[in-house]
């Protein structure tokens, strides 16, 4: 049985848009986010465009309420799957275990100290924190993981009957599922809705940079109009076509905006931004991307 690094979850309230008020505690928000992902794993849940990494993750059913055990893949995918994934996506294997325990008053996250991946801890923490915050903002909270310095623990006694048998299973996703199944999994992944598909072919190599700029402007937007403004600026600058509603929501699920408002604001015939100096500055700034 391996030991685990222990992190406490600290919650900071954030202002919700449109005058809404948060009705959940930080612990309740985290539990809902994890429960939803457990029921239907979201490919974008463990991603960070700033780091240009995407982690495969899947759940082990513990049969214990409010305890979530993930296998988190952490090494380059087997070479035979390369034709099914985007060239600029880093998908990593084998996996380690991450345990999110929201039963306690202060929820904790335990990350396995797996010797085959000695340098993975900081990146897993960064990607997990970023991904959780992407969805928790819509519930009025941000989360920070604070490590208990120098502390390594075995899993709690209540989880040992679940975790002990897992240690005897193969430690790579390919071995666990079979290579052919993994190729099919990544083939499906590439065909999913993705905002990258809206970026003009001339700028595909800068896709991660473009998405990182969008997140800088969109993530903390207070209104739908502010959230849509940078996307329309990229559209007007002809760096991307008009993203579909599904492409927009796939990248920014936390933004509260109706489909009708999105379509109206993105329309080239809409004059919502005509007298907006900040919009003109954004277009000029984004045009420089095409020149560099």
Protein backbone atom coordinates (compact mmCIF):
# COMPACT_ATOMS: atom_id res chain seq x y z
CA UNK A 1 0.00 0.00 0.00
CA UNK A 2 1.47 3.33 -1.06
CA UNK A 3 1.37 6.48 1.03
CA UNK A 4 -0.48 9.66 0.04
CA UNK A 5 0.22 13.38 0.17
CA UNK A 6 -2.55 15.13 2.06
CA UNK A 7 -4.08 18.47 1.05
CA UNK A 8 -6.74 20.50 2.84
CA UNK A 9 -9.36 22.25 0.72
CA UNK A 10 -9.69 25.98 1.38
CA UNK A 11 -12.68 27.84 -0.09
CA UNK A 12 -12.97 31.49 -1.09
CA UNK A 13 -16.33 32.99 -2.04
CA UNK A 14 -16.52 34.71 -5.44
CA UNK A 15 -19.16 37.08 -6.74
CA UNK A 16 -21.79 35.54 -8.96
CA UNK A 17 -23.07 37.34 -12.05
CA UNK A 18 -26.52 38.83 -12.59
CA UNK A 19 -26.97 39.60 -8.90
CA UNK A 20 -27.30 35.93 -7.90
CA UNK A 21 -26.32 34.80 -4.43
CA UNK A 22 -24.51 31.61 -3.51
CA UNK A 23 -26.76 29.22 -1.61
CA UNK A 24 -24.16 26.48 -1.07
CA UNK A 25 -21.20 26.19 1.25
CA UNK A 26 -17.78 25.52 -0.29
CA UNK A 27 -17.97 21.91 0.87
CA UNK A 28 -21.43 21.46 -0.68
CA UNK A 29 -20.29 23.01 -3.96
CA UNK A 30 -17.26 20.69 -4.15
CA UNK A 31 -19.42 17.65 -3.40
CA UNK A 32 -21.86 18.55 -6.18
CA UNK A 33 -19.07 19.13 -8.68
CA UNK A 34 -17.45 15.79 -7.87
CA UNK A 35 -20.78 13.92 -7.88
CA UNK A 36 -21.65 15.25 -11.32
CA UNK A 37 -18.26 14.33 -12.74
CA UNK A 38 -18.50 10.88 -11.12
CA UNK A 39 -21.84 10.27 -12.82
CA UNK A 40 -20.53 11.33 -16.23
CA UNK A 41 -16.79 11.87 -16.59
CA UNK A 42 -16.09 15.12 -18.45
CA UNK A 43 -13.01 15.13 -20.67
CA UNK A 44 -12.32 18.78 -19.90
CA UNK A 45 -12.46 18.29 -16.12
CA UNK A 46 -8.72 17.61 -15.77
CA UNK A 47 -7.31 20.05 -18.29
CA UNK A 48 -5.32 23.25 -18.06
CA UNK A 49 -4.71 25.26 -21.26
CA UNK A 50 -2.10 27.37 -19.47
CA UNK A 51 0.01 24.27 -18.89
CA UNK A 52 -1.10 22.65 -22.17
CA UNK A 53 -1.94 19.39 -20.43
CA UNK A 54 -4.92 17.09 -20.41
CA UNK A 55 -5.19 14.19 -17.99
CA UNK A 56 -7.25 11.09 -18.57
CA UNK A 57 -9.22 10.26 -15.43
CA UNK A 58 -11.79 7.67 -14.42
CA UNK A 59 -13.46 6.67 -11.18
CA UNK A 60 -13.35 3.67 -8.88
CA UNK A 61 -16.72 3.11 -7.20
CA UNK A 62 -16.09 2.95 -3.45
CA UNK A 63 -19.79 2.57 -2.53
CA UNK A 64 -19.10 5.25 0.07
CA UNK A 65 -21.06 8.47 -0.17
CA UNK A 66 -19.07 11.67 -0.76
CA UNK A 67 -15.75 9.84 -1.31
CA UNK A 68 -14.40 9.98 -4.87
CA UNK A 69 -11.43 7.86 -6.00
CA UNK A 70 -9.91 8.70 -9.39
CA UNK A 71 -7.32 7.00 -11.52
CA UNK A 72 -5.37 9.91 -13.02
CA UNK A 73 -3.23 9.03 -16.03
CA UNK A 74 0.23 10.55 -16.07
CA UNK A 75 2.45 9.49 -18.96
CA UNK A 76 2.49 9.91 -22.75
CA UNK A 77 -0.18 7.74 -24.38
CA UNK A 78 0.94 4.59 -26.18
CA UNK A 79 2.32 5.44 -29.62
CA UNK A 80 -0.34 3.46 -31.52
CA UNK A 81 -3.02 5.85 -30.27
CA UNK A 82 -1.24 8.91 -31.65
CA UNK A 83 -3.41 9.15 -34.78
CA UNK A 84 -6.52 9.62 -32.67
CA UNK A 85 -5.43 12.55 -30.54
CA UNK A 86 -4.60 16.18 -31.18
CA UNK A 87 -0.90 16.80 -31.84
CA UNK A 88 -0.64 19.54 -29.22
CA UNK A 89 -2.31 17.54 -26.43
CA UNK A 90 -0.17 15.89 -23.79
CA UNK A 91 -1.95 12.77 -22.56
CA UNK A 92 -0.07 10.94 -19.84
CA UNK A 93 0.18 7.36 -18.60
CA UNK A 94 0.47 5.30 -16.31
CA UNK A 95 -1.90 6.39 -13.56
CA UNK A 96 -1.88 7.24 -9.89
CA UNK A 97 -4.79 7.45 -7.47
CA UNK A 98 -6.39 10.67 -6.24
CA UNK A 99 -8.93 10.54 -3.40
CA UNK A 100 -11.34 13.42 -2.80
CA UNK A 101 -13.01 13.05 0.60
CA UNK A 102 -15.81 15.55 1.21
CA UNK A 103 -17.26 13.83 4.29
CA UNK A 104 -15.24 15.89 6.74
CA UNK A 105 -15.94 19.45 7.83
CA UNK A 106 -12.74 20.43 5.98
CA UNK A 107 -12.64 18.26 2.82
CA UNK A 108 -9.27 16.69 2.00
CA UNK A 109 -7.59 15.48 -1.17
CA UNK A 110 -5.04 12.66 -1.05
CA UNK A 111 -2.65 12.16 -3.98
CA UNK A 112 -0.74 8.91 -4.23
CA UNK A 113 3.03 8.94 -3.77
CA UNK A 114 3.65 6.67 -6.75
CA UNK A 115 7.37 6.07 -7.31
CA UNK A 116 6.98 5.63 -11.08
CA UNK A 117 5.93 9.28 -11.32
CA UNK A 118 8.12 11.19 -8.86
CA UNK A 119 7.69 14.57 -10.58
CA UNK A 120 3.93 14.45 -11.10
CA UNK A 121 2.68 15.89 -7.81
CA UNK A 122 2.86 19.63 -8.56
CA UNK A 123 1.32 19.27 -12.01
CA UNK A 124 -1.53 17.07 -10.76
CA UNK A 125 -2.29 19.60 -8.02
CA UNK A 126 -2.20 22.49 -10.51
CA UNK A 127 -4.45 20.79 -13.07
CA UNK A 128 -6.87 19.54 -10.42
CA UNK A 129 -7.14 23.00 -8.83
CA UNK A 130 -7.61 24.76 -12.18
CA UNK A 131 -10.25 22.27 -13.35
CA UNK A 132 -12.23 22.38 -10.11
CA UNK A 133 -12.23 26.17 -10.12
CA UNK A 134 -13.53 26.27 -13.69
CA UNK A 135 -16.77 24.61 -12.57
CA UNK A 136 -16.96 25.82 -8.97
CA UNK A 137 -16.98 29.51 -9.98
CA UNK A 138 -20.52 29.07 -11.27
CA UNK A 139 -21.49 27.96 -7.76
CA UNK A 140 -19.86 30.97 -6.11
CA UNK A 141 -16.59 29.46 -4.88
CA UNK A 142 -12.91 29.07 -5.64
CA UNK A 143 -10.80 26.32 -4.12
CA UNK A 144 -7.16 26.20 -3.04
CA UNK A 145 -5.29 23.04 -2.06
CA UNK A 146 -2.95 23.47 0.90
CA UNK A 147 -0.52 20.64 1.52
CA UNK A 148 0.22 19.42 5.00
CA UNK A 149 3.98 19.86 4.69
CA UNK A 150 6.09 16.77 5.07
CA UNK A 151 3.12 14.60 5.84
CA UNK A 152 2.53 11.28 4.11
CA UNK A 153 -0.28 8.99 5.19
CA UNK A 154 -1.69 5.62 4.26
CA UNK A 155 -5.32 5.68 3.15
CA UNK A 156 -7.94 5.82 5.93
CA UNK A 157 -8.89 2.47 7.41
CA UNK A 158 -12.40 2.75 5.95
CA UNK A 159 -10.94 2.88 2.43
CA UNK A 160 -8.38 0.09 2.78
CA UNK A 161 -10.83 -2.69 1.68
CA UNK A 162 -11.40 -0.68 -1.51
CA UNK A 163 -7.83 0.40 -2.22
CA UNK A 164 -5.84 -2.74 -1.30
CA UNK A 165 -7.16 -4.86 -4.22
CA UNK A 166 -6.50 -2.02 -6.67
CA UNK A 167 -2.77 -2.21 -6.01
CA UNK A 168 -2.68 -5.61 -7.76
CA UNK A 169 -4.26 -4.27 -10.95
CA UNK A 170 -2.14 -3.15 -13.97
CA UNK A 171 -0.76 0.34 -13.46
CA UNK A 172 -1.18 1.63 -17.01
CA UNK A 173 -4.48 2.51 -18.67
CA UNK A 174 -3.50 0.53 -21.77
CA UNK A 175 -2.99 -2.67 -19.77
CA UNK A 176 -6.12 -2.08 -17.72
CA UNK A 177 -8.45 -1.51 -20.68
CA UNK A 178 -6.59 -3.04 -23.61
CA UNK A 179 -4.86 -1.08 -26.34
CA UNK A 180 -7.66 -1.37 -28.89
CA UNK A 181 -10.17 0.03 -26.43
CA UNK A 182 -7.86 2.95 -25.68
CA UNK A 183 -7.57 3.79 -29.37
CA UNK A 184 -11.36 3.86 -29.62
CA UNK A 185 -11.55 6.05 -26.52
CA UNK A 186 -9.23 8.65 -28.02
CA UNK A 187 -10.91 8.44 -31.40
CA UNK A 188 -14.15 9.46 -29.65
CA UNK A 189 -12.30 12.20 -27.79
CA UNK A 190 -11.03 13.82 -30.97
CA UNK A 191 -14.54 13.92 -32.41
CA UNK A 192 -16.04 15.70 -29.40
CA UNK A 193 -17.09 19.36 -29.43
CA UNK A 194 -14.06 21.60 -28.90
CA UNK A 195 -13.60 25.36 -29.19
CA UNK A 196 -10.25 24.69 -30.93
CA UNK A 197 -12.22 23.60 -33.99
CA UNK A 198 -13.37 27.21 -34.47
CA UNK A 199 -9.81 28.56 -34.77
CA UNK A 200 -8.70 29.30 -38.32
CA UNK A 201 -6.28 26.76 -39.78
CA UNK A 202 -3.58 29.44 -40.08
CA UNK A 203 -3.52 29.78 -36.28
CA UNK A 204 -3.94 26.15 -35.18
CA UNK A 205 -0.36 26.06 -33.89
CA UNK A 206 -1.26 28.95 -31.58
CA UNK A 207 -4.49 27.32 -30.37
CA UNK A 208 -3.40 26.88 -26.77
CA UNK A 209 -2.12 30.45 -26.64
CA UNK A 210 -5.39 31.75 -28.07
CA UNK A 211 -7.42 29.73 -25.57
CA UNK A 212 -5.29 30.96 -22.70
CA UNK A 213 -5.96 34.58 -23.78
CA UNK A 214 -9.68 33.85 -23.96
CA UNK A 215 -9.67 32.39 -20.46
CA UNK A 216 -7.87 35.46 -19.13
CA UNK A 217 -10.68 37.67 -20.44
CA UNK A 218 -13.69 35.37 -20.03
CA UNK A 219 -13.24 33.50 -16.75
CA UNK A 220 -13.87 36.47 -14.45
CA UNK A 221 -16.42 38.25 -16.64
CA UNK A 222 -19.28 39.70 -14.61
CA UNK A 223 -21.93 39.72 -17.37
CA UNK A 224 -22.70 37.66 -20.50
CA UNK A 225 -21.82 40.72 -22.60
CA UNK A 226 -18.36 40.91 -21.03
CA UNK A 227 -17.88 37.14 -21.45
CA UNK A 228 -18.79 37.13 -25.15
CA UNK A 229 -16.77 40.26 -26.01
CA UNK A 230 -13.33 38.57 -26.43
CA UNK A 231 -14.81 35.75 -28.53
CA UNK A 232 -16.44 38.24 -30.85
CA UNK A 233 -13.16 40.20 -31.03
CA UNK A 234 -11.35 37.07 -32.24
CA UNK A 235 -14.24 36.49 -34.69
CA UNK A 236 -14.04 40.06 -36.05
CA UNK A 237 -10.24 39.75 -36.31
CA UNK A 238 -10.84 36.62 -38.43
CA UNK A 239 -8.66 34.48 -36.17
CA UNK A 240 -11.59 32.17 -35.61
CA UNK A 241 -14.97 31.60 -37.20
CA UNK A 242 -18.04 32.18 -35.09
CA UNK A 243 -17.94 29.40 -32.47
CA UNK A 244 -21.11 27.39 -32.11
CA UNK A 245 -23.05 27.54 -28.85
CA UNK A 246 -21.84 23.99 -28.03
CA UNK A 247 -18.21 24.91 -28.69
CA UNK A 248 -18.51 27.95 -26.43
CA UNK A 249 -20.11 25.96 -23.58
CA UNK A 250 -17.59 23.13 -23.92
CA UNK A 251 -14.78 25.57 -23.08
CA UNK A 252 -16.66 27.85 -20.67
CA UNK A 253 -19.33 25.73 -18.91
CA UNK A 254 -19.22 28.04 -15.88
CA UNK A 255 -20.37 31.14 -17.78
CA UNK A 256 -24.04 31.90 -17.15
CA UNK A 257 -25.41 32.97 -20.53
CA UNK A 258 -28.43 31.85 -22.54
CA UNK A 259 -28.07 30.50 -26.06
CA UNK A 260 -30.22 33.32 -27.43
CA UNK A 261 -28.03 35.98 -25.76
CA UNK A 262 -24.90 34.28 -27.09
CA UNK A 263 -26.23 34.17 -30.66
CA UNK A 264 -27.40 37.79 -30.47
CA UNK A 265 -24.09 39.15 -29.13
CA UNK A 266 -21.99 37.13 -31.60
CA UNK A 267 -23.98 38.26 -34.64
CA UNK A 268 -22.04 40.58 -36.96
CA UNK A 269 -25.19 42.65 -37.41
CA UNK A 270 -25.49 43.28 -33.66
CA UNK A 271 -24.26 46.70 -32.55
CA UNK A 272 -23.76 45.96 -28.83
CA UNK A 273 -20.02 46.62 -29.07
CA UNK A 274 -19.99 49.35 -31.74
CA UNK A 275 -19.37 52.17 -29.25
CA UNK A 276 -17.22 50.07 -26.92
CA UNK A 277 -13.62 51.31 -26.88
CA UNK A 278 -12.38 48.24 -25.00
CA UNK A 279 -13.80 46.02 -27.77
CA UNK A 280 -11.90 47.96 -30.44
CA UNK A 281 -8.72 47.64 -28.38
CA UNK A 282 -9.26 43.87 -28.09
CA UNK A 283 -9.67 43.51 -31.86
CA UNK A 284 -6.48 45.50 -32.48
CA UNK A 285 -4.60 43.46 -29.88
CA UNK A 286 -5.78 40.17 -31.33
CA UNK A 287 -4.90 41.24 -34.85
CA UNK A 288 -1.28 41.39 -33.74
CA UNK A 289 -1.44 37.62 -33.25
CA UNK A 290 -1.95 37.22 -36.99
CA UNK A 291 1.06 39.43 -37.66
CA UNK A 292 3.48 37.72 -35.28
